[in-house]
Each structure stands twice: as structure tokens, then as C-alpha cells.
Amino acid sequence: LSRGCTISGLCSYGGTPSGQIKVTLTLPDGYKPETDKNGQPQQPRFFSVTAISDGDGRYHFLKRVPPGQYKIYAFREAGQEEVFSRFKQLKDTQVALTINPGQDQLEINFNVPAQ
């Protein structure tokens, strides 16, 4: 059984390290887990983890992330009045991510474009 991977990083808003940026990791759209020879899923059917960056722009997920395919994205949590700008930030920062078995740590940084 794999321990999973710790994920952390630095969040910036418009190029400046910033707090109150929400980082979320979920399974990709249209995800269907691979199954073993008995038809059992080899990765969870649902997995999501969220963190909010601190005043220095640092974030880390409290849960380890099991091996598999994911998407990860960030958007500014504070000061957003317009929901469409949040969706744009989410789209602009989203990246596909693969966690390999045995992978222990990963650093992923985000620069959320200033609106």
C-alpha cells in the first residue's frame, strides 16, 4: 500500500506571493478508475483536497495524495466579487498531474493572474 505524496507550494497573485489563494486537487473530468482483475478500482472513485495559502503565499495539503491522475488549480479566495473572474483564474491555473507510486513529495507553484 502506497503512503501517497505530500504536495505543497507557493501561490502568487499577479506575480506577488499572496495569502488567501485556494488550491484544490481533484480527479480529472470524466475520470473512470482503472480496475484490477477482480473489477475493483485501483484508485479512489472520489478524491479531493483543498488548502488556502498563508500570508507568505505558502500552502500544503494536510492529506497525502494517493498515486493516480488528478487536476490541480488555484484561485484567489479574498477580494473576489465577480464569480466569472474566479472561473477564469481556475481555468488559467489548472494543470493535469500524475502522482506515481513511491513518489513522496511534490512542489507545485501557482501564479494567479491579477484581474
PDB file of N, CA and C in Angstrom:
ATOM      1  N   LEU A   1       0.847  -1.184   0.000  1.00  0.00           N
ATOM      2  CA  LEU A   1       0.000   0.000   0.000  1.00  0.00           C
ATOM      3  C   LEU A   1       0.885   1.238   0.000  1.00  0.00           C
ATOM      4  N   SER A   2       0.632   2.149  -0.903  1.00  0.00           N
ATOM      5  CA  SER A   2       1.426   3.365  -1.032  1.00  0.00           C
ATOM      6  C   SER A   2       1.014   4.402   0.005  1.00  0.00           C
ATOM      7  N   ARG A   3       2.013   5.114   0.556  1.00  0.00           N
ATOM      8  CA  ARG A   3       1.730   6.176   1.529  1.00  0.00           C
ATOM      9  C   ARG A   3       1.129   7.399   0.864  1.00  0.00           C
ATOM     10  N   GLY A   4       1.353   7.568  -0.406  1.00  0.00           N
ATOM     11  CA  GLY A   4       0.891   8.763  -1.098  1.00  0.00           C
ATOM     12  C   GLY A   4       1.948   9.854  -1.051  1.00  0.00           C
ATOM     13  N   CYS A   5       1.615  10.975  -1.620  1.00  0.00           N
ATOM     14  CA  CYS A   5       2.557  12.067  -1.837  1.00  0.00           C
ATOM     15  C   CYS A   5       2.091  13.316  -1.090  1.00  0.00           C
ATOM     16  N   THR A   6       3.035  14.040  -0.481  1.00  0.00           N
ATOM     17  CA  THR A   6       2.694  15.335   0.101  1.00  0.00           C
ATOM     18  C   THR A   6       2.862  16.391  -0.987  1.00  0.00           C
ATOM     19  N   ILE A   7       1.960  17.349  -1.019  1.00  0.00           N
ATOM     20  CA  ILE A   7       2.019  18.419  -2.023  1.00  0.00           C
ATOM     21  C   ILE A   7       1.975  19.755  -1.308  1.00  0.00           C
ATOM     22  N   SER A   8       2.874  20.634  -1.720  1.00  0.00           N
ATOM     23  CA  SER A   8       2.927  21.985  -1.168  1.00  0.00           C
ATOM     24  C   SER A   8       3.445  22.913  -2.260  1.00  0.00           C
ATOM     25  N   GLY A   9       3.449  24.218  -1.977  1.00  0.00           N
ATOM     26  CA  GLY A   9       3.965  25.154  -2.965  1.00  0.00           C
ATOM     27  C   GLY A   9       3.754  26.596  -2.550  1.00  0.00           C
ATOM     28  N   LEU A  10       4.024  27.473  -3.483  1.00  0.00           N
ATOM     29  CA  LEU A  10       3.920  28.913  -3.289  1.00  0.00           C
ATOM     30  C   LEU A  10       2.866  29.474  -4.235  1.00  0.00           C
ATOM     31  N   CYS A  11       1.985  30.309  -3.698  1.00  0.00           N
ATOM     32  CA  CYS A  11       0.955  30.956  -4.505  1.00  0.00           C
ATOM     33  C   CYS A  11       1.241  32.446  -4.611  1.00  0.00           C
ATOM     34  N   SER A  12       1.146  32.944  -5.830  1.00  0.00           N
ATOM     35  CA  SER A  12       1.303  34.374  -6.078  1.00  0.00           C
ATOM     36  C   SER A  12       0.050  34.890  -6.759  1.00  0.00           C
ATOM     37  N   TYR A  13      -0.200  36.170  -6.565  1.00  0.00           N
ATOM     38  CA  TYR A  13      -1.301  36.846  -7.262  1.00  0.00           C
ATOM     39  C   TYR A  13      -0.672  37.997  -8.029  1.00  0.00           C
ATOM     40  N   GLY A  14      -0.735  37.909  -9.359  1.00  0.00           N
ATOM     41  CA  GLY A  14      -0.112  38.935 -10.193  1.00  0.00           C
ATOM     42  C   GLY A  14       1.391  39.022  -9.988  1.00  0.00           C
ATOM     43  N   GLY A  15       2.027  37.880  -9.656  1.00  0.00           N
ATOM     44  CA  GLY A  15       3.475  37.831  -9.503  1.00  0.00           C
ATOM     45  C   GLY A  15       3.979  38.087  -8.092  1.00  0.00           C
ATOM     46  N   THR A  16       3.095  38.430  -7.139  1.00  0.00           N
ATOM     47  CA  THR A  16       3.497  38.706  -5.765  1.00  0.00           C
ATOM     48  C   THR A  16       2.970  37.605  -4.850  1.00  0.00           C
ATOM     49  N   PRO A  17       3.834  36.967  -4.032  1.00  0.00           N
ATOM     50  CA  PRO A  17       3.347  35.942  -3.098  1.00  0.00           C
ATOM     51  C   PRO A  17       2.164  36.474  -2.300  1.00  0.00           C
ATOM     52  N   SER A  18       1.139  35.637  -2.168  1.00  0.00           N
ATOM     53  CA  SER A  18      -0.116  36.124  -1.604  1.00  0.00           C
ATOM     54  C   SER A  18      -0.821  35.053  -0.796  1.00  0.00           C
ATOM     55  N   GLY A  19      -1.439  35.475   0.297  1.00  0.00           N
ATOM     56  CA  GLY A  19      -2.300  34.599   1.076  1.00  0.00           C
ATOM     57  C   GLY A  19      -3.699  34.588   0.489  1.00  0.00           C
ATOM     58  N   GLN A  20      -4.528  33.737   1.076  1.00  0.00           N
ATOM     59  CA  GLN A  20      -5.937  33.629   0.694  1.00  0.00           C
ATOM     60  C   GLN A  20      -6.139  33.175  -0.756  1.00  0.00           C
ATOM     61  N   ILE A  21      -5.232  32.329  -1.238  1.00  0.00           N
ATOM     62  CA  ILE A  21      -5.423  31.679  -2.543  1.00  0.00           C
ATOM     63  C   ILE A  21      -5.775  30.224  -2.261  1.00  0.00           C
ATOM     64  N   LYS A  22      -6.908  29.814  -2.798  1.00  0.00           N
ATOM     65  CA  LYS A  22      -7.415  28.460  -2.568  1.00  0.00           C
ATOM     66  C   LYS A  22      -6.865  27.527  -3.648  1.00  0.00           C
ATOM     67  N   VAL A  23      -6.235  26.447  -3.216  1.00  0.00           N
ATOM     68  CA  VAL A  23      -5.673  25.441  -4.127  1.00  0.00           C
ATOM     69  C   VAL A  23      -6.463  24.155  -3.926  1.00  0.00           C
ATOM     70  N   THR A  24      -6.946  23.583  -5.022  1.00  0.00           N
ATOM     71  CA  THR A  24      -7.768  22.372  -4.957  1.00  0.00           C
ATOM     72  C   THR A  24      -7.217  21.322  -5.907  1.00  0.00           C
ATOM     73  N   LEU A  25      -7.193  20.079  -5.424  1.00  0.00           N
ATOM     74  CA  LEU A  25      -6.795  18.933  -6.239  1.00  0.00           C
ATOM     75  C   LEU A  25      -7.974  17.965  -6.260  1.00  0.00           C
ATOM     76  N   THR A  26      -8.378  17.542  -7.462  1.00  0.00           N
ATOM     77  CA  THR A  26      -9.482  16.593  -7.622  1.00  0.00           C
ATOM     78  C   THR A  26      -9.138  15.615  -8.740  1.00  0.00           C
ATOM     79  N   LEU A  27      -9.989  14.617  -8.876  1.00  0.00           N
ATOM     80  CA  LEU A  27      -9.854  13.706 -10.009  1.00  0.00           C
ATOM     81  C   LEU A  27     -10.229  14.460 -11.283  1.00  0.00           C
ATOM     82  N   PRO A  28      -9.629  14.090 -12.423  1.00  0.00           N
ATOM     83  CA  PRO A  28      -9.921  14.818 -13.664  1.00  0.00           C
ATOM     84  C   PRO A  28     -11.357  14.611 -14.141  1.00  0.00           C
ATOM     85  N   ASP A  29     -11.838  15.540 -14.967  1.00  0.00           N
ATOM     86  CA  ASP A  29     -13.174  15.419 -15.558  1.00  0.00           C
ATOM     87  C   ASP A  29     -13.261  14.120 -16.345  1.00  0.00           C
ATOM     88  N   GLY A  30     -14.401  13.450 -16.236  1.00  0.00           N
ATOM     89  CA  GLY A  30     -14.615  12.208 -16.981  1.00  0.00           C
ATOM     90  C   GLY A  30     -13.821  11.034 -16.449  1.00  0.00           C
ATOM     91  N   TYR A  31     -13.316  11.136 -15.236  1.00  0.00           N
ATOM     92  CA  TYR A  31     -12.468  10.099 -14.649  1.00  0.00           C
ATOM     93  C   TYR A  31     -13.204   8.783 -14.469  1.00  0.00           C
ATOM     94  N   LYS A  32     -12.561   7.698 -14.889  1.00  0.00           N
ATOM     95  CA  LYS A  32     -13.048   6.342 -14.624  1.00  0.00           C
ATOM     96  C   LYS A  32     -11.861   5.570 -14.084  1.00  0.00           C
ATOM     97  N   PRO A  33     -11.954   5.039 -12.872  1.00  0.00           N
ATOM     98  CA  PRO A  33     -10.798   4.348 -12.290  1.00  0.00           C
ATOM     99  C   PRO A  33     -10.461   3.073 -13.040  1.00  0.00           C
ATOM    100  N   GLU A  34      -9.144   2.806 -13.149  1.00  0.00           N
ATOM    101  CA  GLU A  34      -8.717   1.516 -13.694  1.00  0.00           C
ATOM    102  C   GLU A  34      -9.092   0.451 -12.675  1.00  0.00           C
ATOM    103  N   THR A  35      -9.407  -0.730 -13.165  1.00  0.00           N
ATOM    104  CA  THR A  35      -9.796  -1.808 -12.264  1.00  0.00           C
ATOM    105  C   THR A  35      -8.785  -2.941 -12.320  1.00  0.00           C
ATOM    106  N   ASP A  36      -8.720  -3.689 -11.228  1.00  0.00           N
ATOM    107  CA  ASP A  36      -7.844  -4.856 -11.206  1.00  0.00           C
ATOM    108  C   ASP A  36      -8.563  -6.042 -11.848  1.00  0.00           C
ATOM    109  N   LYS A  37      -7.949  -7.214 -11.776  1.00  0.00           N
ATOM    110  CA  LYS A  37      -8.538  -8.391 -12.437  1.00  0.00           C
ATOM    111  C   LYS A  37      -9.867  -8.818 -11.821  1.00  0.00           C
ATOM    112  N   ASN A  38     -10.151  -8.343 -10.596  1.00  0.00           N
ATOM    113  CA  ASN A  38     -11.427  -8.663  -9.941  1.00  0.00           C
ATOM    114  C   ASN A  38     -12.471  -7.573 -10.135  1.00  0.00           C
ATOM    115  N   GLY A  39     -12.123  -6.545 -10.926  1.00  0.00           N
ATOM    116  CA  GLY A  39     -13.058  -5.467 -11.191  1.00  0.00           C
ATOM    117  C   GLY A  39     -13.101  -4.388 -10.116  1.00  0.00           C
ATOM    118  N   GLN A  40     -12.162  -4.454  -9.173  1.00  0.00           N
ATOM    119  CA  GLN A  40     -12.106  -3.461  -8.106  1.00  0.00           C
ATOM    120  C   GLN A  40     -11.293  -2.253  -8.556  1.00  0.00           C
ATOM    121  N   PRO A  41     -11.738  -1.020  -8.231  1.00  0.00           N
ATOM    122  CA  PRO A  41     -10.982   0.174  -8.636  1.00  0.00           C
ATOM    123  C   PRO A  41      -9.608   0.211  -7.972  1.00  0.00           C
ATOM    124  N   GLN A  42      -8.595   0.637  -8.733  1.00  0.00           N
ATOM    125  CA  GLN A  42      -7.232   0.723  -8.224  1.00  0.00           C
ATOM    126  C   GLN A  42      -6.926   2.115  -7.675  1.00  0.00           C
ATOM    127  N   GLN A  43      -7.816   3.042  -7.848  1.00  0.00           N
ATOM    128  CA  GLN A  43      -7.691   4.394  -7.318  1.00  0.00           C
ATOM    129  C   GLN A  43      -9.060   4.766  -6.767  1.00  0.00           C
ATOM    130  N   PRO A  44      -9.114   5.647  -5.766  1.00  0.00           N
ATOM    131  CA  PRO A  44     -10.432   6.019  -5.224  1.00  0.00           C
ATOM    132  C   PRO A  44     -11.366   6.533  -6.316  1.00  0.00           C
ATOM    133  N   ARG A  45     -12.649   6.296  -6.126  1.00  0.00           N
ATOM    134  CA  ARG A  45     -13.646   6.806  -7.080  1.00  0.00           C
ATOM    135  C   ARG A  45     -13.828   8.303  -6.923  1.00  0.00           C
ATOM    136  N   PHE A  46     -13.501   8.813  -5.727  1.00  0.00           N
ATOM    137  CA  PHE A  46     -13.590  10.239  -5.483  1.00  0.00           C
ATOM    138  C   PHE A  46     -12.442  10.641  -4.566  1.00  0.00           C
ATOM    139  N   PHE A  47     -11.775  11.726  -4.910  1.00  0.00           N
ATOM    140  CA  PHE A  47     -10.722  12.248  -4.044  1.00  0.00           C
ATOM    141  C   PHE A  47     -10.632  13.744  -4.294  1.00  0.00           C
ATOM    142  N   SER A  48     -10.611  14.507  -3.219  1.00  0.00           N
ATOM    143  CA  SER A  48     -10.482  15.954  -3.326  1.00  0.00           C
ATOM    144  C   SER A  48      -9.790  16.457  -2.074  1.00  0.00           C
ATOM    145  N   VAL A  49      -8.913  17.419  -2.235  1.00  0.00           N
ATOM    146  CA  VAL A  49      -8.232  18.028  -1.105  1.00  0.00           C
ATOM    147  C   VAL A  49      -8.031  19.509  -1.427  1.00  0.00           C
ATOM    148  N   THR A  50      -8.144  20.347  -0.397  1.00  0.00           N
ATOM    149  CA  THR A  50      -8.070  21.792  -0.582  1.00  0.00           C
ATOM    150  C   THR A  50      -7.181  22.408   0.494  1.00  0.00           C
ATOM    151  N   ALA A  51      -6.470  23.460   0.124  1.00  0.00           N
ATOM    152  CA  ALA A  51      -5.675  24.239   1.084  1.00  0.00           C
ATOM    153  C   ALA A  51      -5.786  25.707   0.704  1.00  0.00           C
ATOM    154  N   ILE A  52      -5.564  26.584   1.675  1.00  0.00           N
ATOM    155  CA  ILE A  52      -5.539  28.019   1.417  1.00  0.00           C
ATOM    156  C   ILE A  52      -4.170  28.542   1.812  1.00  0.00           C
ATOM    157  N   SER A  53      -3.571  29.339   0.936  1.00  0.00           N
ATOM    158  CA  SER A  53      -2.217  29.830   1.191  1.00  0.00           C
ATOM    159  C   SER A  53      -2.194  30.768   2.396  1.00  0.00           C
ATOM    160  N   ASP A  54      -1.057  30.748   3.113  1.00  0.00           N
ATOM    161  CA  ASP A  54      -0.889  31.613   4.278  1.00  0.00           C
ATOM    162  C   ASP A  54      -0.422  33.004   3.836  1.00  0.00           C
ATOM    163  N   GLY A  55      -0.115  33.861   4.787  1.00  0.00           N
ATOM    164  CA  GLY A  55       0.275  35.235   4.479  1.00  0.00           C
ATOM    165  C   GLY A  55       1.522  35.360   3.631  1.00  0.00           C
ATOM    166  N   ASP A  56       2.377  34.317   3.629  1.00  0.00           N
ATOM    167  CA  ASP A  56       3.598  34.310   2.806  1.00  0.00           C
ATOM    168  C   ASP A  56       3.370  33.646   1.451  1.00  0.00           C
ATOM    169  N   GLY A  57       2.133  33.191   1.208  1.00  0.00           N
ATOM    170  CA  GLY A  57       1.816  32.541  -0.060  1.00  0.00           C
ATOM    171  C   GLY A  57       2.039  31.036  -0.058  1.00  0.00           C
ATOM    172  N   ARG A  58       2.461  30.457   1.067  1.00  0.00           N
ATOM    173  CA  ARG A  58       2.723  29.011   1.132  1.00  0.00           C
ATOM    174  C   ARG A  58       1.431  28.241   1.414  1.00  0.00           C
ATOM    175  N   TYR A  59       1.323  27.059   0.795  1.00  0.00           N
ATOM    176  CA  TYR A  59       0.201  26.160   1.083  1.00  0.00           C
ATOM    177  C   TYR A  59       0.735  24.743   1.194  1.00  0.00           C
ATOM    178  N   HIS A  60       0.015  23.877   1.850  1.00  0.00           N
ATOM    179  CA  HIS A  60       0.296  22.442   1.818  1.00  0.00           C
ATOM    180  C   HIS A  60      -0.995  21.692   2.134  1.00  0.00           C
ATOM    181  N   PHE A  61      -1.153  20.566   1.463  1.00  0.00           N
ATOM    182  CA  PHE A  61      -2.319  19.721   1.708  1.00  0.00           C
ATOM    183  C   PHE A  61      -2.072  18.894   2.964  1.00  0.00           C
ATOM    184  N   LEU A  62      -3.077  18.787   3.819  1.00  0.00           N
ATOM    185  CA  LEU A  62      -2.943  18.024   5.051  1.00  0.00           C
ATOM    186  C   LEU A  62      -3.023  16.520   4.808  1.00  0.00           C
ATOM    187  N   LYS A  63      -3.656  16.115   3.697  1.00  0.00           N
ATOM    188  CA  LYS A  63      -3.752  14.694   3.342  1.00  0.00           C
ATOM    189  C   LYS A  63      -2.673  14.349   2.322  1.00  0.00           C
ATOM    190  N   ARG A  64      -2.154  13.142   2.405  1.00  0.00           N
ATOM    191  CA  ARG A  64      -1.277  12.625   1.351  1.00  0.00           C
ATOM    192  C   ARG A  64      -2.159  12.243   0.154  1.00  0.00           C
ATOM    193  N   VAL A  65      -1.631  12.423  -1.036  1.00  0.00           N
ATOM    194  CA  VAL A  65      -2.386  12.157  -2.258  1.00  0.00           C
ATOM    195  C   VAL A  65      -1.949  10.804  -2.810  1.00  0.00           C
ATOM    196  N   PRO A  66      -2.886   9.854  -2.967  1.00  0.00           N
ATOM    197  CA  PRO A  66      -2.521   8.538  -3.480  1.00  0.00           C
ATOM    198  C   PRO A  66      -2.100   8.603  -4.949  1.00  0.00           C
ATOM    199  N   PRO A  67      -1.322   7.621  -5.407  1.00  0.00           N
ATOM    200  CA  PRO A  67      -0.918   7.604  -6.827  1.00  0.00           C
ATOM    201  C   PRO A  67      -2.136   7.639  -7.743  1.00  0.00           C
ATOM    202  N   GLY A  68      -1.982   8.338  -8.871  1.00  0.00           N
ATOM    203  CA  GLY A  68      -3.068   8.420  -9.844  1.00  0.00           C
ATOM    204  C   GLY A  68      -3.020   9.700 -10.646  1.00  0.00           C
ATOM    205  N   GLN A  69      -4.078   9.910 -11.423  1.00  0.00           N
ATOM    206  CA  GLN A  69      -4.236  11.082 -12.289  1.00  0.00           C
ATOM    207  C   GLN A  69      -5.156  12.098 -11.605  1.00  0.00           C
ATOM    208  N   TYR A  70      -4.754  13.375 -11.649  1.00  0.00           N
ATOM    209  CA  TYR A  70      -5.520  14.432 -10.995  1.00  0.00           C
ATOM    210  C   TYR A  70      -5.488  15.706 -11.820  1.00  0.00           C
ATOM    211  N   LYS A  71      -6.296  16.674 -11.375  1.00  0.00           N
ATOM    212  CA  LYS A  71      -6.152  18.046 -11.845  1.00  0.00           C
ATOM    213  C   LYS A  71      -6.005  18.904 -10.595  1.00  0.00           C
ATOM    214  N   ILE A  72      -5.222  19.976 -10.722  1.00  0.00           N
ATOM    215  CA  ILE A  72      -4.995  20.870  -9.599  1.00  0.00           C
ATOM    216  C   ILE A  72      -5.123  22.297 -10.116  1.00  0.00           C
ATOM    217  N   TYR A  73      -5.720  23.172  -9.322  1.00  0.00           N
ATOM    218  CA  TYR A  73      -5.939  24.551  -9.759  1.00  0.00           C
ATOM    219  C   TYR A  73      -6.004  25.471  -8.551  1.00  0.00           C
ATOM    220  N   ALA A  74      -5.910  26.773  -8.812  1.00  0.00           N
ATOM    221  CA  ALA A  74      -5.936  27.769  -7.735  1.00  0.00           C
ATOM    222  C   ALA A  74      -6.745  28.982  -8.173  1.00  0.00           C
ATOM    223  N   PHE A  75      -7.331  29.665  -7.191  1.00  0.00           N
ATOM    224  CA  PHE A  75      -7.974  30.958  -7.445  1.00  0.00           C
ATOM    225  C   PHE A  75      -7.933  31.779  -6.176  1.00  0.00           C
ATOM    226  N   ARG A  76      -8.026  33.066  -6.330  1.00  0.00           N
ATOM    227  CA  ARG A  76      -7.951  33.987  -5.199  1.00  0.00           C
ATOM    228  C   ARG A  76      -9.264  33.953  -4.433  1.00  0.00           C
ATOM    229  N   GLU A  77      -9.163  33.616  -3.170  1.00  0.00           N
ATOM    230  CA  GLU A  77     -10.338  33.472  -2.309  1.00  0.00           C
ATOM    231  C   GLU A  77     -10.790  34.837  -1.780  1.00  0.00           C
ATOM    232  N   ALA A  78      -9.861  35.704  -1.469  1.00  0.00           N
ATOM    233  CA  ALA A  78     -10.192  37.001  -0.864  1.00  0.00           C
ATOM    234  C   ALA A  78     -10.375  38.064  -1.936  1.00  0.00           C
ATOM    235  N   GLY A  79     -11.313  38.948  -1.713  1.00  0.00           N
ATOM    236  CA  GLY A  79     -11.471  40.105  -2.590  1.00  0.00           C
ATOM    237  C   GLY A  79     -12.170  39.831  -3.903  1.00  0.00           C
ATOM    238  N   GLN A  80     -12.709  38.636  -4.079  1.00  0.00           N
ATOM    239  CA  GLN A  80     -13.379  38.315  -5.347  1.00  0.00           C
ATOM    240  C   GLN A  80     -14.865  38.607  -5.221  1.00  0.00           C
ATOM    241  N   GLU A  81     -15.348  39.499  -6.027  1.00  0.00           N
ATOM    242  CA  GLU A  81     -16.771  39.794  -6.010  1.00  0.00           C
ATOM    243  C   GLU A  81     -17.451  39.206  -7.239  1.00  0.00           C
ATOM    244  N   GLU A  82     -16.688  39.007  -8.273  1.00  0.00           N
ATOM    245  CA  GLU A  82     -17.207  38.567  -9.572  1.00  0.00           C
ATOM    246  C   GLU A  82     -16.903  37.075  -9.755  1.00  0.00           C
ATOM    247  N   VAL A  83     -17.951  36.256  -9.809  1.00  0.00           N
ATOM    248  CA  VAL A  83     -17.780  34.814  -9.906  1.00  0.00           C
ATOM    249  C   VAL A  83     -17.070  34.411 -11.208  1.00  0.00           C
ATOM    250  N   PHE A  84     -17.262  35.156 -12.297  1.00  0.00           N
ATOM    251  CA  PHE A  84     -16.643  34.790 -13.566  1.00  0.00           C
ATOM    252  C   PHE A  84     -15.125  34.936 -13.525  1.00  0.00           C
ATOM    253  N   SER A  85     -14.617  35.898 -12.751  1.00  0.00           N
ATOM    254  CA  SER A  85     -13.163  36.030 -12.649  1.00  0.00           C
ATOM    255  C   SER A  85     -12.574  34.831 -11.900  1.00  0.00           C
ATOM    256  N   ARG A  86     -13.325  34.286 -10.954  1.00  0.00           N
ATOM    257  CA  ARG A  86     -12.881  33.073 -10.256  1.00  0.00           C
ATOM    258  C   ARG A  86     -12.776  31.897 -11.234  1.00  0.00           C
ATOM    259  N   PHE A  87     -13.786  31.729 -12.067  1.00  0.00           N
ATOM    260  CA  PHE A  87     -13.755  30.651 -13.060  1.00  0.00           C
ATOM    261  C   PHE A  87     -12.598  30.837 -14.041  1.00  0.00           C
ATOM    262  N   LYS A  88     -12.321  32.072 -14.426  1.00  0.00           N
ATOM    263  CA  LYS A  88     -11.207  32.334 -15.334  1.00  0.00           C
ATOM    264  C   LYS A  88      -9.883  31.982 -14.671  1.00  0.00           C
ATOM    265  N   GLN A  89      -9.715  32.359 -13.395  1.00  0.00           N
ATOM    266  CA  GLN A  89      -8.486  32.013 -12.668  1.00  0.00           C
ATOM    267  C   GLN A  89      -8.341  30.496 -12.565  1.00  0.00           C
ATOM    268  N   LEU A  90      -9.434  29.829 -12.260  1.00  0.00           N
ATOM    269  CA  LEU A  90      -9.437  28.378 -12.165  1.00  0.00           C
ATOM    270  C   LEU A  90      -8.975  27.761 -13.489  1.00  0.00           C
ATOM    271  N   LYS A  91      -9.536  28.239 -14.585  1.00  0.00           N
ATOM    272  CA  LYS A  91      -9.177  27.728 -15.914  1.00  0.00           C
ATOM    273  C   LYS A  91      -7.726  28.047 -16.264  1.00  0.00           C
ATOM    274  N   ASP A  92      -7.277  29.265 -15.937  1.00  0.00           N
ATOM    275  CA  ASP A  92      -5.914  29.687 -16.279  1.00  0.00           C
ATOM    276  C   ASP A  92      -4.841  28.940 -15.487  1.00  0.00           C
ATOM    277  N   THR A  93      -5.166  28.467 -14.292  1.00  0.00           N
ATOM    278  CA  THR A  93      -4.159  27.824 -13.448  1.00  0.00           C
ATOM    279  C   THR A  93      -4.239  26.300 -13.455  1.00  0.00           C
ATOM    280  N   GLN A  94      -5.291  25.735 -14.015  1.00  0.00           N
ATOM    281  CA  GLN A  94      -5.481  24.280 -13.951  1.00  0.00           C
ATOM    282  C   GLN A  94      -4.392  23.518 -14.700  1.00  0.00           C
ATOM    283  N   VAL A  95      -3.873  22.474 -14.040  1.00  0.00           N
ATOM    284  CA  VAL A  95      -2.858  21.613 -14.649  1.00  0.00           C
ATOM    285  C   VAL A  95      -3.194  20.155 -14.372  1.00  0.00           C
ATOM    286  N   ALA A  96      -2.877  19.306 -15.334  1.00  0.00           N
ATOM    287  CA  ALA A  96      -3.009  17.865 -15.140  1.00  0.00           C
ATOM    288  C   ALA A  96      -1.803  17.406 -14.322  1.00  0.00           C
ATOM    289  N   LEU A  97      -2.025  16.426 -13.474  1.00  0.00           N
ATOM    290  CA  LEU A  97      -0.986  15.987 -12.555  1.00  0.00           C
ATOM    291  C   LEU A  97      -1.032  14.477 -12.424  1.00  0.00           C
ATOM    292  N   THR A  98       0.136  13.843 -12.452  1.00  0.00           N
ATOM    293  CA  THR A  98       0.243  12.407 -12.212  1.00  0.00           C
ATOM    294  C   THR A  98       1.096  12.184 -10.977  1.00  0.00           C
ATOM    295  N   ILE A  99       0.566  11.454 -10.020  1.00  0.00           N
ATOM    296  CA  ILE A  99       1.320  11.037  -8.842  1.00  0.00           C
ATOM    297  C   ILE A  99       1.695   9.579  -9.081  1.00  0.00           C
ATOM    298  N   ASN A 100       2.989   9.303  -9.082  1.00  0.00           N
ATOM    299  CA  ASN A 100       3.477   7.948  -9.328  1.00  0.00           C
ATOM    300  C   ASN A 100       3.620   7.177  -8.022  1.00  0.00           C
ATOM    301  N   PRO A 101       3.475   5.849  -8.067  1.00  0.00           N
ATOM    302  CA  PRO A 101       3.694   5.050  -6.862  1.00  0.00           C
ATOM    303  C   PRO A 101       5.109   5.320  -6.325  1.00  0.00           C
ATOM    304  N   GLY A 102       5.220   5.482  -5.027  1.00  0.00           N
ATOM    305  CA  GLY A 102       6.525   5.729  -4.412  1.00  0.00           C
ATOM    306  C   GLY A 102       6.932   7.192  -4.374  1.00  0.00           C
ATOM    307  N   GLN A 103       6.208   8.054  -5.090  1.00  0.00           N
ATOM    308  CA  GLN A 103       6.531   9.484  -5.075  1.00  0.00           C
ATOM    309  C   GLN A 103       6.145  10.033  -3.702  1.00  0.00           C
ATOM    310  N   ASP A 104       7.086  10.730  -3.039  1.00  0.00           N
ATOM    311  CA  ASP A 104       6.859  11.143  -1.664  1.00  0.00           C
ATOM    312  C   ASP A 104       6.503  12.620  -1.511  1.00  0.00           C
ATOM    313  N   GLN A 105       7.127  13.510  -2.324  1.00  0.00           N
ATOM    314  CA  GLN A 105       6.902  14.944  -2.199  1.00  0.00           C
ATOM    315  C   GLN A 105       6.802  15.580  -3.574  1.00  0.00           C
ATOM    316  N   LEU A 106       6.038  16.651  -3.630  1.00  0.00           N
ATOM    317  CA  LEU A 106       5.897  17.403  -4.869  1.00  0.00           C
ATOM    318  C   LEU A 106       5.630  18.848  -4.510  1.00  0.00           C
ATOM    319  N   GLU A 107       6.307  19.762  -5.205  1.00  0.00           N
ATOM    320  CA  GLU A 107       6.048  21.179  -5.011  1.00  0.00           C
ATOM    321  C   GLU A 107       5.444  21.721  -6.294  1.00  0.00           C
ATOM    322  N   ILE A 108       4.288  22.362  -6.150  1.00  0.00           N
ATOM    323  CA  ILE A 108       3.597  22.954  -7.293  1.00  0.00           C
ATOM    324  C   ILE A 108       3.299  24.412  -6.938  1.00  0.00           C
ATOM    325  N   ASN A 109       3.811  25.329  -7.743  1.00  0.00           N
ATOM    326  CA  ASN A 109       3.614  26.750  -7.514  1.00  0.00           C
ATOM    327  C   ASN A 109       2.568  27.295  -8.460  1.00  0.00           C
ATOM    328  N   PHE A 110       1.840  28.304  -8.013  1.00  0.00           N
ATOM    329  CA  PHE A 110       0.800  28.937  -8.824  1.00  0.00           C
ATOM    330  C   PHE A 110       1.011  30.439  -8.869  1.00  0.00           C
ATOM    331  N   ASN A 111       0.795  31.015 -10.053  1.00  0.00           N
ATOM    332  CA  ASN A 111       0.717  32.468 -10.193  1.00  0.00           C
ATOM    333  C   ASN A 111      -0.665  32.770 -10.763  1.00  0.00           C
ATOM    334  N   VAL A 112      -1.558  33.208  -9.885  1.00  0.00           N
ATOM    335  CA  VAL A 112      -2.924  33.549 -10.291  1.00  0.00           C
ATOM    336  C   VAL A 112      -2.868  34.924 -10.945  1.00  0.00           C
ATOM    337  N   PRO A 113      -3.325  35.034 -12.214  1.00  0.00           N
ATOM    338  CA  PRO A 113      -3.268  36.332 -12.888  1.00  0.00           C
ATOM    339  C   PRO A 113      -4.145  37.374 -12.196  1.00  0.00           C
ATOM    340  N   ALA A 114      -3.603  38.573 -12.011  1.00  0.00           N
ATOM    341  CA  ALA A 114      -4.385  39.673 -11.424  1.00  0.00           C
ATOM    342  C   ALA A 114      -5.455  40.084 -12.416  1.00  0.00           C
ATOM    343  N   GLN A 115      -6.645  40.346 -11.905  1.00  0.00           N
ATOM    344  CA  GLN A 115      -7.771  40.705 -12.777  1.00  0.00           C
ATOM    345  C   GLN A 115      -7.933  42.206 -12.838  1.00  0.00           C
TER     346      GLN A 115
END
